[in-house]
Amino acid sequence: MIITNIKEASVYRSGAYITRYGNVKLPEGRQTITVEIPSPSIDPNTLTATFGQGIRGLNVRPYLRNEEQKKELQKEILEKLEEVKDRIQTYADQIEILKNNTDFSARENMSVKEMNEYIDSLPERTEKIREKIRSLKKEETDLVKQQQDIQKKSCCYLVDIDLECEKEGEYPLRLRYYEYSASWSPFYEIRTGEEEKASLRLRASIRQNSSEDWKGVSLKLFTGDPSVSANIPVLSPQYVNFYEPPIYGARRTNAAFGSMMKATMDMAVEEEADMEEAMIEVRNDQATASQNDTMMEYDLDSLYDLDDRKELSIDLTSSQIDCRYHVIALPKADSYGYLAAEVKTSDISEIIDSSAKIYHNDTFIGDLYIDVDPGKETYDISLGKDETIRLKRTQKKKYRSNVLLKGQTKDEYEYEIEVVSRKNKKTDITLLDQIPVSRDKTIVVDVQTLSGAHKEEETGELEWDFTLEPNEKKTFTISYSLSWPKDKKLNI
């Protein structure tokens, strides 16, 4: 059996192209060699074999062992396991016999001295047997691990290669194939501190479940996914028909029910295949990033170990951007402010619509989904609740009157907002509130007082930008009225 080792892996968002290397001693002439690939999850149709000069390949045949071959492979280890279990049981029976022999009522010819000697020697004799059992238990554990390794091996691919060798010698061998079980996913870290700078780090979580540990492998990561169809979409005709209301209470078809069950089963399989071990974290120099014709490529400059059913976390790129710290206050929603780092939208364009882990002063804040409005110049990255900024929103007035001549009902509202700082330094505050917006011309919103707020006409959002000194309090007032026909009700 020819042994090869993984040296290179090009990992995609789903799947990887693997390159294995080895050496093989060959006699002159035509022959067939067998190479083992310790993975059950390769695509055999992608497998290619390459030799050095002087070798002509004739045929490559990947295959899996049949049931008889699997049993034969495990036969020896199963026999050893059975033998060890029998010996453990034999020693356990001996201990039981020794204990039962302490009943001397049926032994008329046994002296008291002999009884005492037997009882005194019992612990030592029992301990010696137990020591043998412990040794056998350890041997059993080792054999079970070997059995599991053999079971994995029995499910892996073998490759028969027909070739012709010009002359006897040792030749290099290279195998390449697609591995389904490997994948990687990007995630981001955003770190902020005392300085008004934010660090953006792109990281990769790489995983594989090939039943083989990868040792000293050169890695390249690609943002594409070969498992997704690359066919160019085709536009189908768009037919126009009159709308027909659905018929409620109809039975679900078997096909729909089957699809639903399959989706449920697929989800269960995915959950069962989750990684069992914790992530291994590696921080290194930045990867070399390049844009090819169809996707991004990250070339990692070190060799990595990635064991079966483990994850490897690797730095890809990092950069620093400017930010401005301020506290966002929404007294209608919360009695405390929220610390935020305001950044330019253009500086975080690469992580728009992605999740990022947020850290402030090396404290983990949480996971944040970056959902930016491209039409806005800035974006606020939340750094968590700021309990040193206290907010209070009080309704000072609500008065209803009827305008008889116009046949209208009128409500008048007034609110007072207090913003208090408990910080020992100046703090920039962005205070947000709102007034109702009418989409019906018969409903009139009349604004009286906004205390200098900027008002967004379409949404009714109010915004104040100001600075609070240490332990300072500021107060703002909002007042407005609503008028509408008295024979109708508002949904406010």
Protein backbone atom coordinates (compact mmCIF):
# COMPACT_ATOMS: atom_id res chain seq x y z
CA MET A 1 0.00 0.00 0.00
CA ILE A 2 1.46 3.36 -1.05
CA ILE A 3 1.25 6.10 1.61
CA THR A 4 0.95 9.78 0.65
CA ASN A 5 0.58 12.97 2.71
CA ILE A 6 -1.42 16.16 2.19
CA LYS A 7 0.87 19.09 1.42
CA GLU A 8 -1.45 21.63 -0.23
CA ALA A 9 -5.13 22.50 0.19
CA SER A 10 -7.11 25.09 -1.78
CA VAL A 11 -10.16 25.58 0.45
CA TYR A 12 -13.41 27.07 -0.88
CA ARG A 13 -16.45 28.24 1.03
CA SER A 14 -17.63 24.67 0.51
CA GLY A 15 -15.15 21.92 -0.36
CA ALA A 16 -11.43 21.92 -1.12
CA TYR A 17 -8.96 20.76 -3.76
CA ILE A 18 -6.36 18.57 -2.07
CA THR A 19 -2.83 17.81 -3.27
CA ARG A 20 -1.01 14.78 -1.82
CA TYR A 21 2.63 13.79 -2.37
CA GLY A 22 4.54 10.56 -1.88
CA ASN A 23 7.32 8.37 -3.29
CA VAL A 24 7.02 4.93 -4.79
CA LYS A 25 9.65 2.31 -5.64
CA LEU A 26 8.86 0.63 -8.96
CA PRO A 27 10.37 -2.23 -10.95
CA GLU A 28 10.66 -1.99 -14.70
CA GLY A 29 7.61 -2.83 -16.84
CA ARG A 30 3.82 -2.76 -16.58
CA GLN A 31 2.26 -3.02 -13.12
CA THR A 32 -0.55 -1.91 -10.82
CA ILE A 33 0.02 -0.05 -7.57
CA THR A 34 -2.56 0.73 -4.84
CA VAL A 35 -2.65 4.07 -3.03
CA GLU A 36 -4.77 4.77 0.05
CA ILE A 37 -6.63 8.08 0.50
CA PRO A 38 -7.74 8.27 4.16
CA SER A 39 -11.04 10.04 3.44
CA PRO A 40 -14.53 8.74 2.64
CA SER A 41 -15.72 12.11 1.32
CA ILE A 42 -13.75 12.73 -1.87
CA ASP A 43 -15.17 13.13 -5.36
CA PRO A 44 -13.62 10.15 -7.19
CA ASN A 45 -14.39 11.70 -10.58
CA THR A 46 -11.93 14.53 -9.88
CA LEU A 47 -8.98 12.32 -8.94
CA THR A 48 -5.78 12.63 -11.02
CA ALA A 49 -2.37 10.99 -10.51
CA THR A 50 0.93 12.42 -11.74
CA PHE A 51 4.36 10.72 -11.70
CA GLY A 52 7.89 11.81 -12.49
CA GLN A 53 9.56 11.34 -15.87
CA GLY A 54 9.91 7.75 -17.01
CA ILE A 55 6.39 6.73 -15.87
CA ARG A 56 3.43 6.43 -18.22
CA GLY A 57 0.06 6.28 -16.52
CA LEU A 58 -2.48 3.94 -18.12
CA ASN A 59 -5.53 3.97 -15.84
CA VAL A 60 -6.73 5.32 -12.46
CA ARG A 61 -9.48 3.42 -10.59
CA PRO A 62 -10.68 4.81 -7.22
CA TYR A 63 -13.01 2.54 -5.23
CA LEU A 64 -14.36 1.75 -1.75
CA ARG A 65 -13.97 -1.56 0.07
CA ASN A 66 -16.96 -3.91 0.02
CA GLU A 67 -18.48 -5.36 3.21
CA GLU A 68 -16.38 -8.53 3.10
CA GLN A 69 -13.17 -6.53 2.75
CA LYS A 70 -14.20 -4.27 5.67
CA LYS A 71 -14.84 -7.33 7.89
CA GLU A 72 -11.48 -8.84 6.93
CA LEU A 73 -9.71 -5.59 7.78
CA GLN A 74 -11.27 -5.55 11.26
CA LYS A 75 -11.05 -9.30 11.92
CA GLU A 76 -7.73 -9.33 13.79
CA ILE A 77 -8.52 -6.38 16.08
CA LEU A 78 -11.97 -7.79 16.93
CA GLU A 79 -10.40 -11.12 17.90
CA LYS A 80 -7.93 -9.31 20.19
CA LEU A 81 -10.75 -7.34 21.79
CA GLU A 82 -12.77 -10.49 22.43
CA GLU A 83 -9.73 -12.19 24.02
CA VAL A 84 -9.08 -9.23 26.35
CA LYS A 85 -12.75 -9.08 27.41
CA ASP A 86 -12.71 -12.81 28.19
CA ARG A 87 -9.59 -12.42 30.38
CA ILE A 88 -11.17 -9.48 32.23
CA GLN A 89 -14.24 -11.60 32.93
CA THR A 90 -12.07 -14.51 34.11
CA TYR A 91 -10.25 -12.31 36.64
CA ALA A 92 -13.56 -10.82 37.79
CA ASP A 93 -14.86 -14.36 38.37
CA GLN A 94 -11.73 -15.15 40.44
CA ILE A 95 -12.41 -12.19 42.74
CA GLU A 96 -15.99 -13.37 43.18
CA ILE A 97 -14.80 -16.89 44.06
CA LEU A 98 -12.34 -15.54 46.65
CA LYS A 99 -15.13 -13.53 48.27
CA ASN A 100 -17.50 -16.52 48.33
CA ASN A 101 -14.84 -18.68 49.99
CA THR A 102 -15.01 -16.54 53.14
CA ASP A 103 -18.14 -18.51 54.11
CA PHE A 104 -16.53 -21.18 56.35
CA SER A 105 -19.76 -22.71 57.69
CA ALA A 106 -19.50 -25.72 55.36
CA ARG A 107 -15.83 -26.44 56.17
CA GLU A 108 -15.72 -28.66 59.25
CA ASN A 109 -12.01 -29.58 59.03
CA MET A 110 -10.68 -25.98 58.72
CA SER A 111 -8.99 -24.57 61.80
CA VAL A 112 -9.45 -21.08 63.15
CA LYS A 113 -5.81 -20.32 62.29
CA GLU A 114 -6.36 -21.34 58.66
CA MET A 115 -9.50 -19.21 58.50
CA ASN A 116 -7.65 -16.15 59.82
CA GLU A 117 -4.73 -16.68 57.43
CA TYR A 118 -7.16 -16.90 54.51
CA ILE A 119 -8.99 -13.71 55.55
CA ASP A 120 -5.69 -11.83 56.10
CA SER A 121 -4.36 -12.80 52.66
CA LEU A 122 -7.62 -11.97 50.84
CA PRO A 123 -7.04 -8.18 50.30
CA GLU A 124 -3.54 -8.72 48.86
CA ARG A 125 -4.65 -11.51 46.54
CA THR A 126 -7.71 -9.51 45.43
CA GLU A 127 -5.60 -6.37 44.76
CA LYS A 128 -3.18 -8.33 42.56
CA ILE A 129 -6.09 -9.56 40.46
CA ARG A 130 -7.58 -6.06 40.28
CA GLU A 131 -4.23 -4.72 39.07
CA LYS A 132 -4.32 -7.26 36.22
CA ILE A 133 -7.89 -6.15 35.39
CA ARG A 134 -6.82 -2.47 35.31
CA SER A 135 -3.97 -3.33 32.97
CA LEU A 136 -6.34 -5.27 30.71
CA LYS A 137 -8.88 -2.39 30.79
CA LYS A 138 -6.17 -0.02 29.52
CA GLU A 139 -5.30 -2.52 26.81
CA GLU A 140 -9.00 -2.75 25.92
CA THR A 141 -9.24 1.05 25.62
CA ASP A 142 -6.23 1.12 23.28
CA LEU A 143 -7.73 -1.68 21.18
CA VAL A 144 -11.09 0.14 20.93
CA LYS A 145 -9.28 3.24 19.65
CA GLN A 146 -7.42 1.09 17.12
CA GLN A 147 -10.74 -0.47 16.10
CA GLN A 148 -12.25 2.99 15.53
CA ASP A 149 -9.24 3.98 13.43
CA ILE A 150 -9.59 0.78 11.40
CA GLN A 151 -13.33 1.43 10.95
CA LYS A 152 -12.51 4.88 9.56
CA LYS A 153 -9.83 3.35 7.35
CA SER A 154 -12.23 0.71 6.05
CA CYS A 155 -14.54 3.45 4.73
CA CYS A 156 -11.78 5.35 2.93
CA TYR A 157 -10.90 5.27 -0.75
CA LEU A 158 -8.33 3.04 -2.41
CA VAL A 159 -6.88 3.90 -5.81
CA ASP A 160 -5.53 1.30 -8.22
CA ILE A 161 -3.16 2.86 -10.77
CA ASP A 162 -2.06 0.96 -13.87
CA LEU A 163 1.25 2.27 -15.18
CA GLU A 164 4.33 1.44 -17.19
CA CYS A 165 7.83 2.13 -15.80
CA GLU A 166 10.79 2.55 -18.16
CA LYS A 167 13.37 1.46 -15.59
CA GLU A 168 13.52 0.43 -11.95
CA GLY A 169 13.78 3.27 -9.45
CA GLU A 170 12.04 5.53 -6.93
CA TYR A 171 9.62 8.06 -8.36
CA PRO A 172 7.58 10.97 -6.93
CA LEU A 173 3.78 10.66 -6.96
CA ARG A 174 1.19 13.45 -6.80
CA LEU A 175 -2.55 12.97 -6.30
CA ARG A 176 -5.18 15.71 -6.67
CA TYR A 177 -8.90 15.48 -5.89
CA TYR A 178 -11.90 17.40 -4.56
CA GLU A 179 -12.72 16.92 -0.86
CA TYR A 180 -16.35 17.60 0.13
CA SER A 181 -15.89 17.82 3.92
CA ALA A 182 -13.63 20.90 4.08
CA SER A 183 -14.86 24.50 4.12
CA TRP A 184 -14.15 27.95 5.49
CA SER A 185 -16.20 30.99 6.47
CA PRO A 186 -15.15 34.61 7.01
CA PHE A 187 -15.89 36.58 10.14
CA TYR A 188 -14.85 40.03 11.25
CA GLU A 189 -13.55 41.62 14.43
CA ILE A 190 -13.88 45.32 15.17
CA ARG A 191 -11.81 46.62 18.09
CA THR A 192 -11.93 50.10 19.57
CA GLY A 193 -10.10 51.73 22.48
CA GLU A 194 -9.33 55.09 24.05
CA GLU A 195 -8.04 56.58 20.80
CA GLU A 196 -10.55 57.43 18.10
CA LYS A 197 -9.39 54.57 15.90
CA ALA A 198 -11.14 51.31 15.02
CA SER A 199 -9.26 48.16 14.05
CA LEU A 200 -10.93 45.98 11.41
CA ARG A 201 -9.72 42.40 11.18
CA LEU A 202 -10.94 39.82 8.65
CA ARG A 203 -10.55 36.30 9.99
CA ALA A 204 -11.19 32.84 8.57
CA SER A 205 -12.68 29.83 10.33
CA ILE A 206 -11.42 26.70 8.52
CA ARG A 207 -12.74 23.22 9.24
CA GLN A 208 -12.52 19.71 7.82
CA ASN A 209 -14.10 16.34 8.58
CA SER A 210 -12.13 14.03 6.32
CA SER A 211 -11.21 11.39 8.97
CA GLU A 212 -7.57 12.47 8.58
CA ASP A 213 -5.43 14.98 10.46
CA TRP A 214 -3.78 17.54 8.19
CA LYS A 215 -0.20 18.21 9.27
CA GLY A 216 2.09 20.93 7.88
CA VAL A 217 -0.27 21.89 5.04
CA SER A 218 0.05 24.94 2.79
CA LEU A 219 -3.37 26.66 2.62
CA LYS A 220 -5.05 28.90 0.08
CA LEU A 221 -8.57 30.23 0.67
CA PHE A 222 -11.00 31.14 -2.11
CA THR A 223 -14.26 33.04 -1.71
CA GLY A 224 -16.02 31.00 -4.41
CA ASP A 225 -18.14 27.88 -3.97
CA PRO A 226 -17.72 25.12 -6.58
CA SER A 227 -20.81 23.33 -5.19
CA VAL A 228 -23.02 26.15 -6.50
CA SER A 229 -24.06 25.83 -10.14
CA ALA A 230 -22.04 28.03 -12.48
CA ASN A 231 -24.65 27.87 -15.23
CA ILE A 232 -25.69 31.26 -16.61
CA PRO A 233 -29.31 31.95 -15.57
CA VAL A 234 -32.02 31.88 -18.23
CA LEU A 235 -34.97 34.28 -18.24
CA SER A 236 -38.28 32.44 -18.58
CA PRO A 237 -41.37 34.07 -20.12
CA GLN A 238 -43.42 36.16 -17.68
CA TYR A 239 -47.10 35.39 -18.21
CA VAL A 240 -49.85 37.68 -16.92
CA ASN A 241 -53.10 36.23 -15.59
CA PHE A 242 -56.02 37.45 -13.53
CA TYR A 243 -55.65 37.00 -9.79
CA GLU A 244 -57.49 34.03 -8.27
CA PRO A 245 -57.85 33.93 -4.48
CA PRO A 246 -56.33 30.86 -2.76
CA ILE A 247 -58.55 28.03 -1.55
CA TYR A 248 -58.04 27.66 2.18
CA GLY A 249 -58.24 24.32 3.95
CA ALA A 250 -56.88 22.31 0.98
CA ARG A 251 -54.73 19.31 1.78
CA ARG A 252 -50.99 19.61 1.44
CA THR A 253 -49.78 17.49 -1.47
CA ASN A 254 -47.52 14.52 -0.86
CA ALA A 255 -44.76 16.22 -2.84
CA ALA A 256 -44.91 19.35 -0.67
CA PHE A 257 -45.01 17.26 2.49
CA GLY A 258 -42.05 15.21 1.26
CA SER A 259 -40.05 18.36 0.53
CA MET A 260 -40.80 19.68 4.00
CA MET A 261 -39.72 16.41 5.63
CA LYS A 262 -36.52 16.31 3.57
CA ALA A 263 -35.66 19.87 4.62
CA THR A 264 -36.25 18.90 8.25
CA MET A 265 -34.07 15.81 7.92
CA ASP A 266 -31.32 17.79 6.17
CA MET A 267 -31.32 20.27 9.04
CA ALA A 268 -31.05 17.42 11.53
CA VAL A 269 -28.10 15.93 9.64
CA GLU A 270 -26.37 19.31 9.57
CA GLU A 271 -26.83 19.72 13.32
CA GLU A 272 -25.49 16.22 13.96
CA ALA A 273 -22.39 16.97 11.91
CA ASP A 274 -21.40 19.99 14.02
CA MET A 275 -17.74 20.14 15.04
CA GLU A 276 -17.03 18.40 18.35
CA GLU A 277 -13.88 20.26 19.32
CA ALA A 278 -13.18 23.90 20.15
CA MET A 279 -11.68 26.30 17.65
CA ILE A 280 -7.88 26.62 17.47
CA GLU A 281 -6.92 30.29 17.19
CA VAL A 282 -3.92 31.39 15.13
CA ARG A 283 -2.89 35.04 14.80
CA ASN A 284 -0.29 35.64 12.13
CA ASP A 285 0.88 38.16 9.58
CA GLN A 286 -1.63 39.20 6.97
CA ALA A 287 -2.39 36.77 4.17
CA THR A 288 -1.61 37.80 0.61
CA ALA A 289 -4.95 38.80 -0.89
CA SER A 290 -5.47 38.92 -4.66
CA GLN A 291 -8.44 39.28 -6.99
CA ASN A 292 -8.53 36.76 -9.82
CA ASP A 293 -11.05 36.74 -12.66
CA THR A 294 -13.96 35.38 -10.61
CA MET A 295 -13.19 35.49 -6.86
CA MET A 296 -10.86 36.62 -4.08
CA GLU A 297 -7.88 34.45 -3.13
CA TYR A 298 -6.01 34.50 0.19
CA ASP A 299 -2.58 32.86 0.14
CA LEU A 300 -1.41 31.98 3.67
CA ASP A 301 2.35 32.18 4.09
CA SER A 302 2.80 29.48 6.78
CA LEU A 303 2.19 25.76 7.14
CA TYR A 304 -0.74 24.71 9.33
CA ASP A 305 -2.02 21.70 11.25
CA LEU A 306 -5.77 21.11 10.99
CA ASP A 307 -6.98 17.98 12.73
CA ASP A 308 -10.13 16.09 11.82
CA ARG A 309 -13.31 17.58 13.32
CA LYS A 310 -11.53 20.71 14.58
CA GLU A 311 -11.64 24.35 13.52
CA LEU A 312 -8.75 26.67 12.82
CA SER A 313 -9.12 30.43 13.14
CA ILE A 314 -6.62 32.47 11.10
CA ASP A 315 -6.08 36.18 10.50
CA LEU A 316 -6.40 37.24 6.86
CA THR A 317 -6.29 41.04 6.71
CA SER A 318 -6.36 43.95 9.14
CA SER A 319 -6.63 47.72 8.86
CA GLN A 320 -7.30 50.82 10.96
CA ILE A 321 -9.93 53.46 10.29
CA ASP A 322 -10.90 56.72 11.94
CA CYS A 323 -13.94 56.83 14.20
CA ARG A 324 -15.75 59.33 16.43
CA TYR A 325 -17.11 58.30 19.81
CA HIS A 326 -20.48 59.65 20.84
CA VAL A 327 -23.45 58.53 22.90
CA ILE A 328 -26.74 57.88 21.12
CA ALA A 329 -29.70 58.69 23.37
CA LEU A 330 -33.21 57.41 22.61
CA PRO A 331 -35.26 58.32 25.70
CA LYS A 332 -38.46 57.00 24.13
CA ALA A 333 -36.89 53.51 24.07
CA ASP A 334 -34.39 53.40 26.97
CA SER A 335 -33.44 55.36 30.07
CA TYR A 336 -29.71 54.96 29.31
CA GLY A 337 -27.57 56.00 26.36
CA TYR A 338 -25.60 53.78 23.97
CA LEU A 339 -21.91 54.35 23.27
CA ALA A 340 -21.20 54.25 19.54
CA ALA A 341 -18.22 54.58 17.21
CA GLU A 342 -19.20 56.58 14.14
CA VAL A 343 -17.28 55.53 11.02
CA LYS A 344 -17.43 56.41 7.35
CA THR A 345 -19.61 54.01 5.35
CA SER A 346 -16.90 53.80 2.68
CA ASP A 347 -14.40 52.52 5.28
CA ILE A 348 -16.51 49.46 6.15
CA SER A 349 -17.91 48.69 2.71
CA GLU A 350 -16.26 45.24 2.67
CA ILE A 351 -18.19 44.06 5.73
CA ILE A 352 -21.60 45.44 4.83
CA ASP A 353 -24.31 42.81 5.38
CA SER A 354 -22.00 40.66 7.50
CA SER A 355 -21.64 39.77 11.16
CA ALA A 356 -18.77 41.15 13.25
CA LYS A 357 -17.52 40.55 16.78
CA ILE A 358 -17.20 43.87 18.62
CA TYR A 359 -14.56 44.62 21.30
CA HIS A 360 -14.07 47.88 23.21
CA ASN A 361 -11.03 48.32 25.45
CA ASP A 362 -10.43 44.55 25.04
CA THR A 363 -13.90 43.78 26.45
CA PHE A 364 -16.17 41.67 24.26
CA ILE A 365 -19.35 43.63 23.56
CA GLY A 366 -21.16 41.07 21.40
CA ASP A 367 -21.97 40.12 17.82
CA LEU A 368 -23.26 42.90 15.59
CA TYR A 369 -24.80 42.55 12.15
CA ILE A 370 -23.44 45.37 9.95
CA ASP A 371 -26.41 46.54 7.89
CA VAL A 372 -25.45 49.88 6.33
CA ASP A 373 -27.58 52.23 4.27
CA PRO A 374 -25.21 52.94 1.32
CA GLY A 375 -26.92 56.29 0.85
CA LYS A 376 -25.62 57.55 4.21
CA GLU A 377 -22.09 58.81 4.72
CA THR A 378 -21.63 57.45 8.25
CA TYR A 379 -22.57 54.38 10.28
CA ASP A 380 -22.72 53.93 14.08
CA ILE A 381 -21.10 50.78 15.48
CA SER A 382 -22.76 50.05 18.81
CA LEU A 383 -20.36 49.57 21.75
CA GLY A 384 -23.08 48.71 24.24
CA LYS A 385 -25.26 50.47 26.81
CA ASP A 386 -23.70 53.48 28.56
CA GLU A 387 -25.13 53.69 32.09
CA THR A 388 -23.30 56.95 32.82
CA ILE A 389 -25.74 58.81 30.55
CA ARG A 390 -29.23 58.95 32.12
CA LEU A 391 -32.37 59.85 30.16
CA LYS A 392 -35.87 60.84 31.21
CA ARG A 393 -38.82 61.55 28.92
CA THR A 394 -41.89 63.03 30.65
CA GLN A 395 -45.29 63.84 29.14
CA LYS A 396 -46.11 67.29 30.46
CA LYS A 397 -49.41 67.83 28.66
CA LYS A 398 -52.08 66.04 26.68
CA TYR A 399 -55.15 68.14 26.00
CA ARG A 400 -58.11 67.32 23.74
CA SER A 401 -60.52 69.93 22.34
CA ASN A 402 -63.25 70.01 19.68
CA VAL A 403 -63.11 72.69 16.98
CA LEU A 404 -66.86 72.95 16.31
CA LEU A 405 -66.72 75.30 13.32
CA LYS A 406 -64.32 73.01 11.47
CA GLY A 407 -65.85 69.73 12.67
CA GLN A 408 -62.51 68.55 14.00
CA THR A 409 -60.96 66.98 17.07
CA LYS A 410 -57.63 68.39 18.26
CA ASP A 411 -55.07 66.84 20.66
CA GLU A 412 -52.17 68.87 22.03
CA TYR A 413 -49.00 67.14 23.34
CA GLU A 414 -45.95 68.36 25.21
CA TYR A 415 -42.91 66.29 26.32
CA GLU A 416 -39.84 67.22 28.34
CA ILE A 417 -36.57 65.31 27.84
CA GLU A 418 -33.73 65.37 30.38
CA VAL A 419 -30.21 64.20 29.52
CA VAL A 420 -27.81 63.86 32.47
CA SER A 421 -24.11 62.99 32.35
CA ARG A 422 -22.41 61.07 35.16
CA LYS A 423 -19.10 61.01 33.28
CA ASN A 424 -15.92 62.77 34.39
CA LYS A 425 -15.19 64.05 30.87
CA LYS A 426 -16.91 65.85 28.02
CA THR A 427 -19.27 63.68 25.99
CA ASP A 428 -20.71 64.15 22.52
CA ILE A 429 -24.42 63.28 22.53
CA THR A 430 -26.76 62.44 19.65
CA LEU A 431 -30.31 62.70 21.02
CA LEU A 432 -33.07 61.10 18.93
CA ASP A 433 -36.84 61.37 19.29
CA GLN A 434 -39.82 61.67 16.97
CA ILE A 435 -43.17 63.28 16.23
CA PRO A 436 -46.02 61.66 14.27
CA VAL A 437 -46.09 61.88 10.46
CA SER A 438 -49.39 62.20 8.59
CA ARG A 439 -50.04 60.33 5.34
CA ASP A 440 -53.60 61.62 5.10
CA LYS A 441 -54.30 65.25 4.23
CA THR A 442 -57.25 65.32 6.65
CA ILE A 443 -54.87 64.62 9.56
CA VAL A 444 -52.84 67.72 10.35
CA VAL A 445 -49.66 67.68 12.48
CA ASP A 446 -48.81 71.14 13.75
CA VAL A 447 -45.36 71.47 15.35
CA GLN A 448 -44.97 74.17 18.03
CA THR A 449 -41.67 73.53 19.84
CA LEU A 450 -38.63 71.40 18.92
CA SER A 451 -35.87 73.07 21.04
CA GLY A 452 -33.61 73.41 18.01
CA ALA A 453 -33.85 69.81 16.79
CA HIS A 454 -33.27 68.89 13.17
CA LYS A 455 -36.47 67.32 11.83
CA GLU A 456 -36.56 64.66 9.11
CA GLU A 457 -39.71 65.49 7.19
CA GLU A 458 -40.39 62.03 5.77
CA THR A 459 -39.97 60.06 9.00
CA GLY A 460 -40.62 62.69 11.71
CA GLU A 461 -37.30 61.82 13.38
CA LEU A 462 -35.80 64.55 15.57
CA GLU A 463 -32.07 64.85 16.16
CA TRP A 464 -30.03 67.03 18.53
CA ASP A 465 -26.22 67.01 18.47
CA PHE A 466 -24.52 68.62 21.46
CA THR A 467 -21.80 68.18 24.08
CA LEU A 468 -22.35 67.54 27.79
CA GLU A 469 -19.80 68.70 30.34
CA PRO A 470 -19.02 66.37 33.28
CA ASN A 471 -22.13 65.97 35.50
CA GLU A 472 -24.10 68.41 33.32
CA LYS A 473 -27.85 68.19 32.65
CA LYS A 474 -29.69 69.52 29.62
CA THR A 475 -33.45 69.75 29.04
CA PHE A 476 -35.36 69.77 25.74
CA THR A 477 -39.05 70.32 24.99
CA ILE A 478 -41.23 68.91 22.21
CA SER A 479 -44.77 70.14 21.62
CA TYR A 480 -47.17 69.55 18.75
CA SER A 481 -50.86 69.09 18.00
CA LEU A 482 -52.93 66.66 15.92
CA SER A 483 -56.20 67.65 14.20
CA TRP A 484 -58.55 65.30 12.35
CA PRO A 485 -62.26 64.90 11.47
CA LYS A 486 -64.23 64.33 14.69
CA ASP A 487 -66.18 61.39 13.25
CA LYS A 488 -63.00 59.32 12.90
CA LYS A 489 -60.47 57.75 15.28
CA LEU A 490 -56.67 57.86 15.10
CA ASN A 491 -54.50 54.79 15.48
CA ILE A 492 -51.91 56.67 17.56
